[in-house]
Protein backbone atom coordinates (compact mmCIF):
# COMPACT_ATOMS: atom_id res chain seq x y z
CA MET A 1 -39.77 -22.14 29.67
CA PHE A 2 -41.94 -25.05 30.78
CA LEU A 3 -42.84 -28.49 29.54
CA ASP A 4 -46.37 -29.54 28.52
CA GLU A 5 -47.84 -32.87 29.48
CA SER A 6 -48.10 -33.91 25.83
CA GLU A 7 -45.54 -33.29 23.09
CA TRP A 8 -46.39 -31.08 20.09
CA THR A 9 -45.51 -32.31 16.60
CA CYS A 10 -45.04 -29.98 13.65
CA THR A 11 -47.48 -30.73 10.82
CA THR A 12 -45.29 -29.04 8.21
CA CYS A 13 -42.06 -30.98 8.52
CA ASN A 14 -43.41 -33.98 10.54
CA ASN A 15 -39.99 -34.64 11.99
CA PHE A 16 -39.98 -32.17 14.86
CA SER A 17 -41.69 -32.59 18.19
CA THR A 18 -41.28 -30.83 21.50
CA GLY A 19 -42.97 -30.32 24.82
CA SER A 20 -41.71 -26.77 25.26
CA GLN A 21 -43.84 -23.76 24.35
CA LEU A 22 -40.69 -21.70 23.62
CA ALA A 23 -39.34 -24.32 21.22
CA LYS A 24 -42.75 -24.48 19.55
CA ARG A 25 -42.85 -20.71 19.01
CA ASN A 26 -39.28 -20.64 17.69
CA HIS A 27 -39.99 -23.49 15.29
CA LEU A 28 -43.15 -21.84 13.95
CA ALA A 29 -41.27 -18.56 13.60
CA SER A 30 -38.59 -20.30 11.52
CA HIS A 31 -41.27 -21.61 9.15
CA LYS A 32 -42.71 -18.12 8.89
CA ARG A 33 -39.30 -16.65 8.03
CA GLU A 34 -38.76 -19.29 5.34
CA ARG A 35 -42.19 -18.55 3.85
CA ILE A 36 -41.52 -14.80 3.76
CA ARG A 37 -38.05 -15.37 2.28
CA SER A 38 -39.45 -17.57 -0.49
CA GLN A 39 -42.09 -15.00 -1.42
CA ALA A 40 -39.75 -11.99 -1.32
CA THR A 41 -37.91 -10.58 -4.32
CA PRO A 42 -34.41 -12.08 -4.58
CA LEU A 43 -31.68 -9.72 -3.44
CA THR A 44 -29.22 -8.82 -6.20
CA ILE A 45 -26.00 -7.07 -5.33
CA PRO A 46 -24.94 -4.60 -8.05
CA GLU A 47 -21.39 -4.83 -9.28
CA THR A 48 -18.87 -2.39 -7.89
CA SER A 49 -17.28 0.39 -9.90
CA ALA A 50 -14.05 -1.61 -10.08
CA GLN A 51 -15.91 -4.60 -11.53
CA THR A 52 -17.66 -2.34 -14.05
CA LYS A 53 -14.33 -0.87 -15.14
CA LYS A 54 -12.78 -4.33 -15.44
CA ARG A 55 -15.71 -5.64 -17.50
CA LYS A 56 -15.55 -2.69 -19.90
CA ARG A 57 -11.77 -2.90 -20.10
CA ASN A 58 -11.91 -6.61 -20.98
CA LYS A 59 -14.17 -5.70 -23.91
CA VAL A 60 -12.13 -2.76 -25.14
CA VAL A 61 -8.54 -4.01 -24.70
CA PRO A 62 -8.72 -6.83 -27.30
CA LEU A 63 -10.18 -4.39 -29.82
CA ALA A 64 -7.51 -1.76 -29.17
CA GLU A 65 -4.55 -4.10 -29.65
CA GLY A 66 -2.93 -5.07 -32.93
CA THR A 67 -2.64 -3.29 -36.25
CA PRO A 68 -5.74 -1.85 -37.93
CA GLY A 69 -7.14 -3.79 -40.86
CA ASP A 70 -7.34 -2.52 -44.42
CA THR A 71 -10.92 -3.63 -45.03
CA ARG A 72 -13.24 -0.80 -45.90
CA ILE A 73 -16.04 -0.30 -43.39
CA ALA A 74 -18.59 0.88 -45.99
CA PRO A 75 -18.48 1.75 -49.70
CA PRO A 76 -18.37 5.42 -50.68
CA LEU A 77 -21.67 7.20 -51.09
CA ALA A 78 -21.16 7.69 -54.83
CA SER A 79 -20.70 3.96 -55.32
CA ILE A 80 -23.90 3.25 -53.41
CA ASN A 81 -25.87 5.69 -55.54
CA ARG A 82 -24.41 4.26 -58.75
CA ASP A 83 -25.21 0.69 -57.73
CA ALA A 84 -28.73 1.73 -56.77
CA THR A 85 -29.21 3.32 -60.22
CA LYS A 86 -28.00 0.18 -61.97
CA ASN A 87 -30.26 -2.02 -59.88
CA ARG A 88 -33.31 0.06 -60.70
CA GLY A 89 -32.75 -0.69 -64.42
CA ASN A 90 -32.01 -4.36 -63.84
CA ASP A 91 -34.98 -6.44 -62.76
CA ASN A 92 -32.90 -9.58 -62.29
CA ASN A 93 -30.45 -7.80 -59.93
CA THR A 94 -27.59 -9.73 -61.52
CA LEU A 95 -24.15 -9.44 -59.99
CA PRO A 96 -21.28 -7.86 -61.97
CA PRO A 97 -19.16 -10.33 -63.93
CA ASP A 98 -16.06 -11.80 -62.39
CA GLY A 99 -12.98 -9.64 -62.61
CA GLU A 100 -14.96 -6.39 -62.70
CA ASP A 101 -14.73 -4.17 -59.63
CA GLU A 102 -17.95 -3.11 -58.04
CA ASP A 103 -16.44 0.23 -57.04
CA THR A 104 -14.39 2.10 -59.64
CA SER A 105 -14.28 5.44 -57.76
CA PRO A 106 -10.85 6.59 -56.61
CA LYS A 107 -9.95 5.71 -53.03
CA ILE A 108 -8.57 8.31 -50.66
CA ASP A 109 -5.85 7.24 -48.26
CA LEU A 110 -6.68 8.99 -44.99
CA PRO A 111 -3.70 9.18 -42.61
CA VAL A 112 -4.22 8.05 -39.05
CA PRO A 113 -4.01 11.18 -36.86
CA SER A 114 -1.37 11.03 -34.17
CA VAL A 115 -0.30 13.98 -32.07
CA LEU A 116 2.96 12.43 -30.90
CA SER A 117 4.02 10.48 -34.03
CA THR A 118 6.50 13.17 -35.13
CA PHE A 119 8.30 12.94 -31.79
CA LEU A 120 8.94 9.18 -31.82
CA ASP A 121 12.10 9.29 -33.95
CA PRO A 122 13.80 12.05 -31.88
CA LEU A 123 12.92 10.13 -28.71
CA ASP A 124 14.44 6.95 -30.16
CA ALA A 125 17.59 8.89 -31.03
CA LEU A 126 18.00 10.04 -27.42
CA ILE A 127 17.58 6.46 -26.21
CA GLU A 128 19.91 4.76 -28.70
CA VAL A 129 22.67 7.36 -29.10
CA ASP A 130 24.95 7.75 -26.09
CA ASP A 131 27.11 10.67 -27.18
CA VAL A 132 24.38 13.28 -27.67
CA SER A 133 25.76 16.65 -26.59
CA ASN A 134 23.60 18.46 -24.05
CA ALA A 135 21.25 15.49 -23.88
CA LEU A 136 19.23 16.88 -20.97
CA GLU A 137 18.72 20.25 -22.69
CA THR A 138 17.72 18.49 -25.89
CA PHE A 139 15.30 16.30 -23.97
CA GLU A 140 13.75 19.31 -22.21
CA SER A 141 13.31 21.10 -25.54
CA LEU A 142 11.67 18.00 -26.97
CA MET A 143 9.36 17.72 -23.96
CA ASN A 144 8.34 21.37 -24.35
CA GLY A 145 7.32 20.59 -27.92
CA ILE A 146 5.34 17.52 -26.83
CA THR A 147 3.55 19.47 -24.11
CA THR A 148 2.71 22.31 -26.50
CA SER A 149 1.38 19.88 -29.12
CA VAL A 150 -0.92 18.17 -26.62
CA GLN A 151 -2.12 21.52 -25.29
CA ASP A 152 -2.86 22.78 -28.81
CA PHE A 153 -4.65 19.55 -29.71
CA PHE A 154 -7.05 19.87 -26.77
CA HIS A 155 -7.18 23.70 -26.89
CA LEU A 156 -6.00 23.98 -23.30
CA SER A 157 -5.79 27.40 -21.72
CA PRO A 158 -2.30 28.83 -21.27
CA LYS A 159 -0.59 28.63 -17.92
CA ARG A 160 -1.62 31.39 -15.56
CA SER A 161 1.02 33.62 -14.13
CA ASN A 162 1.92 33.31 -10.48
CA GLY A 163 0.77 36.86 -9.90
CA ASP A 164 -2.82 36.09 -10.89
CA LYS A 165 -4.86 36.38 -7.73
CA ASN A 166 -7.91 34.79 -9.33
CA ALA A 167 -5.96 31.64 -10.18
CA THR A 168 -6.95 30.03 -6.87
CA LYS A 169 -10.66 30.89 -7.09
CA ARG A 170 -12.98 28.09 -8.12
CA LYS A 171 -16.63 28.03 -9.02
CA ALA A 172 -18.82 27.08 -6.07
CA PHE A 173 -20.24 23.56 -6.24
CA ASP A 174 -24.04 23.34 -6.37
CA PRO A 175 -25.24 20.01 -4.89
CA MET A 176 -28.72 20.61 -6.34
CA ASN A 177 -27.44 20.76 -9.92
CA ALA A 178 -28.02 17.25 -11.25
CA GLN A 179 -26.06 17.78 -14.47
CA GLU A 180 -23.05 19.07 -12.58
CA ILE A 181 -23.15 16.09 -10.22
CA GLN A 182 -23.35 13.61 -13.11
CA ARG A 183 -20.52 15.31 -14.97
CA LEU A 184 -18.30 15.37 -11.87
CA TYR A 185 -19.16 11.75 -11.02
CA LYS A 186 -17.98 10.59 -14.44
CA TRP A 187 -14.82 12.63 -14.07
CA ASN A 188 -13.87 12.00 -10.43
CA ARG A 189 -16.17 9.99 -8.18
CA ARG A 190 -14.25 10.64 -4.98
CA ARG A 191 -14.33 14.37 -5.51
CA CYS A 192 -18.03 14.20 -6.36
CA VAL A 193 -18.89 12.45 -3.09
CA ARG A 194 -16.62 14.82 -1.17
CA ASN A 195 -18.32 17.86 -2.68
CA ILE A 196 -21.80 16.51 -1.95
CA ALA A 197 -20.89 15.82 1.67
CA CYS A 198 -19.18 19.19 2.04
CA PRO A 199 -20.33 21.52 -0.76
CA VAL A 200 -18.59 24.57 0.74
CA SER A 201 -14.85 23.97 0.91
CA ASN A 202 -12.90 25.97 3.43
CA THR A 203 -10.31 28.40 2.13
CA CYS A 204 -7.23 29.01 4.20
CA PRO A 205 -7.62 32.50 5.76
CA ILE A 206 -3.96 32.76 6.77
CA PRO A 207 -2.15 35.65 5.02
CA LYS A 208 0.14 34.79 2.14
CA ALA A 209 3.22 36.25 3.86
CA SER A 210 2.70 34.04 6.91
CA LEU A 211 2.31 30.94 4.75
CA GLN A 212 5.42 31.86 2.78
CA ASP A 213 7.52 32.18 5.95
CA HIS A 214 6.09 29.00 7.47
CA PHE A 215 6.79 26.74 4.51
CA LEU A 216 10.20 28.30 3.89
CA LYS A 217 11.13 27.06 7.38
CA THR A 218 9.27 23.76 7.08
CA TRP A 219 10.77 22.75 3.73
CA GLY A 220 14.10 24.46 4.29
CA ALA A 221 17.38 22.63 4.67
CA PRO A 222 17.85 20.99 8.10
CA ASN A 223 20.14 22.75 10.53
CA GLN A 224 21.97 19.62 11.65
CA GLU A 225 23.19 16.43 10.06
CA TYR A 226 21.20 13.32 10.85
CA LEU A 227 23.24 10.19 11.51
CA LEU A 228 21.68 6.79 11.05
CA GLN A 229 22.24 4.08 13.60
CA PRO A 230 24.84 1.51 12.54
CA GLY A 231 23.41 -1.22 10.38
CA ASP A 232 24.33 -3.80 7.78
CA HIS A 233 24.63 -2.74 4.15
CA HIS A 234 22.81 -5.10 1.82
CA GLU A 235 23.69 -6.14 -1.71
CA ARG A 236 20.51 -6.55 -3.72
CA PRO A 237 19.63 -6.67 -7.45
CA HIS A 238 18.72 -3.61 -9.51
CA ILE A 239 15.17 -2.35 -9.32
CA LEU A 240 14.60 -1.81 -13.06
CA ASP A 241 16.41 -1.29 -16.34
CA SER A 242 13.61 0.01 -18.55
CA LEU A 243 9.84 0.44 -18.70
CA ASP A 244 7.93 -1.33 -21.47
CA PRO A 245 4.79 0.24 -23.03
CA GLU A 246 2.48 -2.44 -21.61
CA PHE A 247 3.56 -1.69 -18.05
CA VAL A 248 3.21 2.08 -18.54
CA ALA A 249 -0.23 1.59 -20.11
CA SER A 250 -1.30 -0.50 -17.12
CA CYS A 251 -0.21 2.27 -14.75
CA LEU A 252 -1.96 4.89 -16.86
CA ARG A 253 -5.23 2.94 -16.87
CA SER A 254 -5.16 2.72 -13.07
CA CYS A 255 -4.71 6.49 -12.64
CA GLU A 256 -7.88 8.19 -11.46
CA ASN A 257 -8.72 11.59 -12.86
CA SER A 258 -7.36 14.25 -10.54
CA ALA A 259 -6.44 17.90 -10.72
CA PRO A 260 -3.77 18.49 -13.41
CA GLY A 261 -0.58 20.44 -12.90
CA LEU A 262 0.71 23.60 -14.49
CA ASP A 263 0.44 22.16 -18.01
CA HIS A 264 -3.33 21.48 -17.56
CA ILE A 265 -3.01 18.02 -19.21
CA THR A 266 -5.09 15.28 -17.57
CA TYR A 267 -4.65 11.51 -17.49
CA ARG A 268 -7.59 11.08 -19.85
CA GLN A 269 -5.95 13.31 -22.43
CA TRP A 270 -2.71 11.32 -22.24
CA ARG A 271 -4.76 8.16 -22.82
CA GLU A 272 -6.29 9.73 -25.93
CA VAL A 273 -3.08 10.95 -27.57
CA ASP A 274 -0.99 7.90 -26.62
CA PRO A 275 -3.30 4.94 -25.89
CA ARG A 276 -0.54 2.34 -26.26
CA CYS A 277 1.95 4.50 -24.33
CA LEU A 278 4.61 4.20 -27.03
CA ALA A 279 5.75 7.79 -26.62
CA LEU A 280 5.32 7.87 -22.84
CA SER A 281 7.43 4.74 -22.35
CA LYS A 282 10.20 6.26 -24.48
CA ILE A 283 10.05 9.48 -22.44
CA PHE A 284 10.33 7.57 -19.18
CA ASN A 285 13.19 5.42 -20.45
CA ILE A 286 15.09 8.58 -21.39
CA CYS A 287 14.60 9.77 -17.80
CA LEU A 288 16.03 6.46 -16.57
CA LYS A 289 18.98 6.81 -18.93
CA LEU A 290 19.73 10.42 -17.96
CA LYS A 291 18.90 9.76 -14.28
CA ASP A 292 16.98 13.03 -14.24
CA ILE A 293 13.67 14.58 -15.24
CA PRO A 294 12.82 17.85 -17.03
CA ARG A 295 12.84 20.97 -14.89
CA ALA A 296 9.17 21.61 -15.71
CA TRP A 297 8.27 18.40 -13.86
CA LYS A 298 9.95 19.66 -10.68
CA ILE A 299 7.66 22.70 -10.42
CA SER A 300 4.23 22.35 -8.84
CA ASN A 301 1.42 24.20 -7.15
CA CYS A 302 0.41 23.37 -3.60
CA VAL A 303 -3.15 23.51 -2.29
CA LEU A 304 -4.02 23.51 1.40
CA ILE A 305 -6.68 21.01 2.54
CA HIS A 306 -8.31 21.62 5.91
CA LYS A 307 -7.93 18.71 8.31
CA LYS A 308 -9.81 19.72 11.46
CA ASP A 309 -10.34 22.33 14.20
CA ASP A 310 -9.26 25.97 13.98
CA LEU A 311 -8.89 27.44 10.48
CA ASP A 312 -6.32 30.01 11.62
CA ARG A 313 -3.71 27.42 12.65
CA ILE A 314 -1.29 26.38 9.93
CA ASP A 315 -0.88 22.91 11.48
CA ASN A 316 -4.54 22.19 10.70
CA TRP A 317 -3.93 22.44 6.95
CA ARG A 318 -2.43 19.65 4.84
CA PRO A 319 -0.31 20.73 1.84
CA ILE A 320 -1.01 18.70 -1.32
CA ALA A 321 1.24 19.16 -4.35
CA LEU A 322 -0.44 19.46 -7.76
CA SER A 323 2.22 18.21 -10.16
CA ASN A 324 1.98 17.54 -13.89
CA THR A 325 0.19 14.29 -14.64
CA ILE A 326 3.06 12.97 -16.77
CA TYR A 327 5.35 13.39 -13.76
CA LYS A 328 2.90 11.60 -11.46
CA LEU A 329 2.54 8.79 -14.01
CA PHE A 330 6.31 8.33 -14.07
CA MET A 331 6.37 8.32 -10.26
CA LYS A 332 3.59 5.73 -10.24
CA CYS A 333 5.65 3.47 -12.49
CA LEU A 334 8.68 3.85 -10.21
CA THR A 335 6.51 3.24 -7.15
CA ARG A 336 5.19 -0.06 -8.49
CA LYS A 337 8.68 -1.27 -9.33
CA LEU A 338 10.03 -0.18 -5.94
CA GLN A 339 7.13 -1.81 -4.07
CA ASP A 340 7.64 -5.09 -5.92
CA TRP A 341 11.36 -4.91 -5.19
CA CYS A 342 10.79 -4.25 -1.48
CA GLU A 343 8.26 -7.07 -1.22
CA PHE A 344 10.45 -9.56 -3.09
CA ASN A 345 13.52 -8.76 -0.97
CA GLN A 346 11.55 -8.34 2.29
CA VAL A 347 13.01 -4.89 2.88
CA LEU A 348 10.24 -3.26 4.92
CA CYS A 349 9.35 -4.24 8.47
CA SER A 350 6.23 -6.39 8.65
CA ALA A 351 4.76 -3.94 11.17
CA GLN A 352 4.38 -1.26 8.46
CA LYS A 353 1.08 -1.50 6.56
CA GLY A 354 0.81 2.02 5.17
CA PHE A 355 1.22 2.67 1.43
CA THR A 356 1.26 -1.04 0.64
CA PRO A 357 -0.70 -2.81 -2.13
CA HIS A 358 -2.73 -4.67 0.50
CA ASP A 359 -5.37 -3.35 2.90
CA GLY A 360 -3.45 -3.14 6.16
CA ILE A 361 -5.97 -1.26 8.31
CA ILE A 362 -8.09 -4.36 8.96
CA GLU A 363 -5.02 -6.42 9.83
CA GLN A 364 -3.63 -3.80 12.23
CA ASN A 365 -6.98 -3.38 13.99
CA PHE A 366 -7.28 -7.15 14.33
CA LEU A 367 -3.79 -7.48 15.83
CA LEU A 368 -4.47 -4.66 18.28
CA ALA A 369 -7.79 -6.19 19.34
CA GLN A 370 -6.15 -9.61 19.75
CA SER A 371 -3.42 -8.15 21.97
CA LEU A 372 -6.00 -6.49 24.21
CA GLU A 373 -8.12 -9.65 24.34
CA LYS A 374 -5.09 -11.80 25.21
CA ALA A 375 -4.10 -9.49 28.07
CA LYS A 376 -7.67 -9.48 29.37
CA ARG A 377 -7.96 -13.27 29.14
CA ASN A 378 -4.64 -13.84 30.95
CA LYS A 379 -5.32 -11.02 33.42
CA ALA A 380 -2.00 -9.47 32.42
CA ASP A 381 -0.94 -5.86 32.02
CA ILE A 382 -0.56 -4.27 28.62
CA PHE A 383 0.67 -0.75 27.91
CA LEU A 384 -0.08 1.08 24.68
CA ALA A 385 1.22 4.35 23.28
CA PHE A 386 -0.42 5.93 20.24
CA LEU A 387 2.02 8.20 18.40
CA ASP A 388 1.26 10.61 15.58
CA ILE A 389 4.46 12.13 14.20
CA SER A 390 4.04 15.86 13.71
CA ASN A 391 4.69 16.98 10.11
CA ALA A 392 6.07 13.54 9.35
CA PHE A 393 6.16 13.83 5.57
CA GLY A 394 7.47 17.38 5.49
CA SER A 395 10.24 16.99 8.05
CA ILE A 396 12.27 14.01 6.77
CA PRO A 397 15.71 15.21 5.59
CA HIS A 398 16.54 14.17 2.04
CA GLU A 399 19.92 12.97 3.26
CA VAL A 400 18.19 10.36 5.43
CA ILE A 401 16.24 9.02 2.45
CA PHE A 402 19.37 8.69 0.32
CA LYS A 403 21.39 7.04 3.12
CA VAL A 404 18.61 4.54 3.83
CA MET A 405 18.32 3.69 0.13
CA GLU A 406 22.06 3.06 -0.02
CA ARG A 407 22.01 0.88 3.10
CA GLU A 408 19.05 -1.19 1.91
CA GLY A 409 20.90 -2.07 -1.30
CA ILE A 410 19.04 0.11 -3.81
CA ASP A 411 21.21 0.44 -6.91
CA VAL A 412 23.14 3.63 -7.59
CA ASP A 413 21.25 4.48 -10.79
CA PHE A 414 17.86 4.45 -9.08
CA SER A 415 19.17 6.39 -6.08
CA LYS A 416 20.73 9.02 -8.35
CA LEU A 417 17.43 9.39 -10.20
CA ILE A 418 15.52 9.97 -6.96
CA GLU A 419 18.16 12.43 -5.79
CA ASN A 420 17.91 14.44 -9.03
CA ILE A 421 14.11 14.39 -8.86
CA TYR A 422 14.23 16.32 -5.59
CA LEU A 423 17.16 18.47 -6.67
CA GLY A 424 15.77 21.84 -7.73
CA SER A 425 12.15 21.02 -6.83
CA SER A 426 9.94 23.93 -5.83
CA THR A 427 6.28 24.71 -5.28
CA CYS A 428 3.97 27.71 -5.02
CA VAL A 429 1.37 27.59 -2.25
CA LEU A 430 -2.06 28.71 -3.47
CA THR A 431 -3.61 31.13 -0.97
CA ALA A 432 -6.64 33.41 -0.86
CA ASP A 433 -4.32 36.29 -1.81
CA GLY A 434 -2.80 34.47 -4.77
CA PRO A 435 0.13 32.07 -5.13
CA THR A 436 3.24 32.55 -3.05
CA GLU A 437 6.70 32.89 -4.50
CA PRO A 438 8.35 29.57 -5.47
CA ILE A 439 9.45 27.74 -2.31
CA PRO A 440 12.33 25.26 -2.72
CA ILE A 441 11.71 21.79 -1.30
CA LEU A 442 14.94 21.01 0.54
CA ARG A 443 13.40 18.69 3.11
CA GLY A 444 10.48 16.27 3.26
CA VAL A 445 8.55 14.39 0.61
CA LYS A 446 5.77 15.89 -1.49
CA GLN A 447 2.29 14.85 -0.39
CA GLY A 448 0.35 14.06 -3.54
CA CYS A 449 3.31 12.39 -5.23
CA PRO A 450 2.81 8.61 -5.69
CA LEU A 451 6.44 7.93 -4.74
CA SER A 452 6.30 9.77 -1.40
CA GLY A 453 4.61 6.96 0.52
CA ILE A 454 7.18 4.25 -0.18
CA LEU A 455 10.04 6.71 0.37
CA PHE A 456 8.59 7.59 3.78
CA ASN A 457 8.29 3.90 4.66
CA LEU A 458 11.95 3.38 3.77
CA ALA A 459 13.03 6.41 5.80
CA ILE A 460 11.43 5.22 9.06
CA ASN A 461 11.93 1.50 8.47
CA HIS A 462 15.09 1.33 10.60
CA VAL A 463 13.16 2.78 13.56
CA LEU A 464 10.47 0.10 13.34
CA VAL A 465 13.06 -2.65 13.00
CA ASP A 466 14.92 -1.31 16.05
CA VAL A 467 11.76 -1.20 18.18
CA GLN A 468 10.53 -4.64 17.13
CA GLY A 469 13.98 -6.24 17.22
CA GLY A 470 13.94 -10.01 17.50
CA GLN A 471 11.24 -10.10 20.15
CA GLU A 472 8.27 -12.40 19.96
CA GLY A 473 4.89 -10.84 19.53
CA HIS A 474 4.05 -7.43 18.13
CA LYS A 475 5.87 -4.52 19.76
CA VAL A 476 4.90 -1.89 17.22
CA LEU A 477 2.12 -1.44 14.66
CA ALA A 478 2.47 1.23 11.99
CA PHE A 479 0.28 2.71 9.31
CA ALA A 480 2.47 5.33 7.61
CA ASP A 481 3.18 7.93 10.33
CA ASP A 482 0.60 6.58 12.83
CA LEU A 483 2.34 4.27 15.30
CA VAL A 484 1.14 2.09 18.18
CA LEU A 485 3.70 0.79 20.68
CA LEU A 486 2.80 -2.31 22.72
CA SER A 487 4.56 -3.41 25.89
CA ASN A 488 4.06 -5.51 29.00
CA SER A 489 5.54 -2.93 31.37
CA GLU A 490 5.67 0.81 31.75
CA GLU A 491 9.47 0.84 31.74
CA GLU A 492 9.69 -1.11 28.49
CA LEU A 493 7.15 1.20 26.87
CA GLN A 494 9.15 4.27 27.86
CA SER A 495 12.28 2.63 26.44
CA GLN A 496 10.49 2.07 23.14
CA ILE A 497 9.35 5.70 23.05
CA ASP A 498 12.91 6.90 23.68
CA LYS A 499 14.12 4.99 20.63
C-alpha cells in the first residue's frame, strides 16, 4: 500500500476521498457489489416443513373443532330438477310464496360414521365405576375389540405368525422410481432421505440362534443387586392425575409416521378414526387408573439397525423395538408430563442435555470449546476424557430405575405404572432366518420407546450430580450416554472416572 501525491475522490458518493490505491480499489469494489446486488433476483428462503405443517394446521384446526351444523350443503338433485322445470315454464322467475317450502322431498338423516363410538360407553364405565370385577381382563377384552374394529375398517392384513420367515423381508427401495420417492416422502420424510442416501439396507447376517442367546443374556435379569449411593429422598407433587383429549390430540399430531407394531395400525389411522382423541384419552385414563397396560402393548418386534464397521459383530447392531403405535402414543404423553415435571422441579443435572425438549448439542459443543479456549488463553492444563457407555440403554437394571424414581420424589401411582409397563414385556428379534422366540426384557430400557430417554436420564442422574458436585465450572458434559469429563489435573480426572 502506498500513498499518491494527490487524493482521489469518489464521483458516485462524493463523500469519500483517499490517497491510497488499495482503499480506492476496495471502495470501487464495494460499489460494484452493491450494483450487482441491486440487479440480482431477491433471495427468498422457502418455509421449512415444520412451518408448512403449522400453517396447514392453523387452517384445519378451527374447522375441525365444535359441533357440525345442520345446514344442508346443497339441495337434493330431485329438488334441483323440479325447480328447473318450474322455472322453464315461468318467464318471470317468481319466488315461491311465503310459508311454502322450496323443497318438499323427504330428507334422509345420514348418521355420522364413527368406528369407536360404540366403545365410548364401556370405556366410561371402566373409568367411573371402581368395583368392576376383573377390570384389567375386561379392559383387555375391550381393547381387543377396538383393535379389531380399526383393523377391519382399514382392511389391515392379519398379524403374521412368528414362524413366518418371510415376515422380515422387505421390498428393495428403488431410488430411481419417482413415484415411490414421492409416496415415501409424504409418508415419512426421514426414512425417504435415509433410503435415498443408502438404498441398500444391510441385513444382519448373524444366525438366529446366536442372536437369541446374545439378547437372552443382555436383557436377562442382573446377577447382582445394585445399591445406590446414599442420597436425600425428596417430597414432590404428583406428575399427573388424568390426560385430557386436547393434550392427547396434541401428542398425536406431533407423532411422525413410523413403522407400526404387531397390530399394523399407524398414527395416521388413529387420527382418522379418533381425530379429537375422545376414545384414546379414555383408554389412557383407564391405564392410569389401573396402573397397568394391556398385555398386547407389552409385546413388540425388534429390528437390528447397523451402526458401523463389521457386520458380523453383534455390538455393531442397534436393537430398535417396534411397538404398537397406541402404546407409543401413551408413552409420549407420559414422557411430556414427566419432562415438564422434571424441568419444573429441577430434578435432572444441568450437565445432561440428551432427550430434552431443547437442542443441547450446540450448547455442549460451545461449553467444550470455551473450556479449551480458556485453558489455552491462560496457558493452563486441561484434561478431558470422552466416555461412551457400552450397551447403556440395554444394561440398566430395572431396580435402579424404580429406586431412583422413588428417591427423586416421583409419586407411587406413576412409579407403579412404569413398573407394570416393564413387567411381562417381551420382544422378538427379526433376523434373516425369521423372528426369534419371545425374549423377556428383564433389564434395560427399550430403544424406540419415547419414555426410554427420560428414564435413562433419571437412572444416571445421580452419577452426574456426584461428579459435578458443588464445584465451580463444568466438570462433566453429557448427551444421553455420551459423557465428557473435564479436569485441571490428571489425578482429579482419574478420580472422576472411578466414580
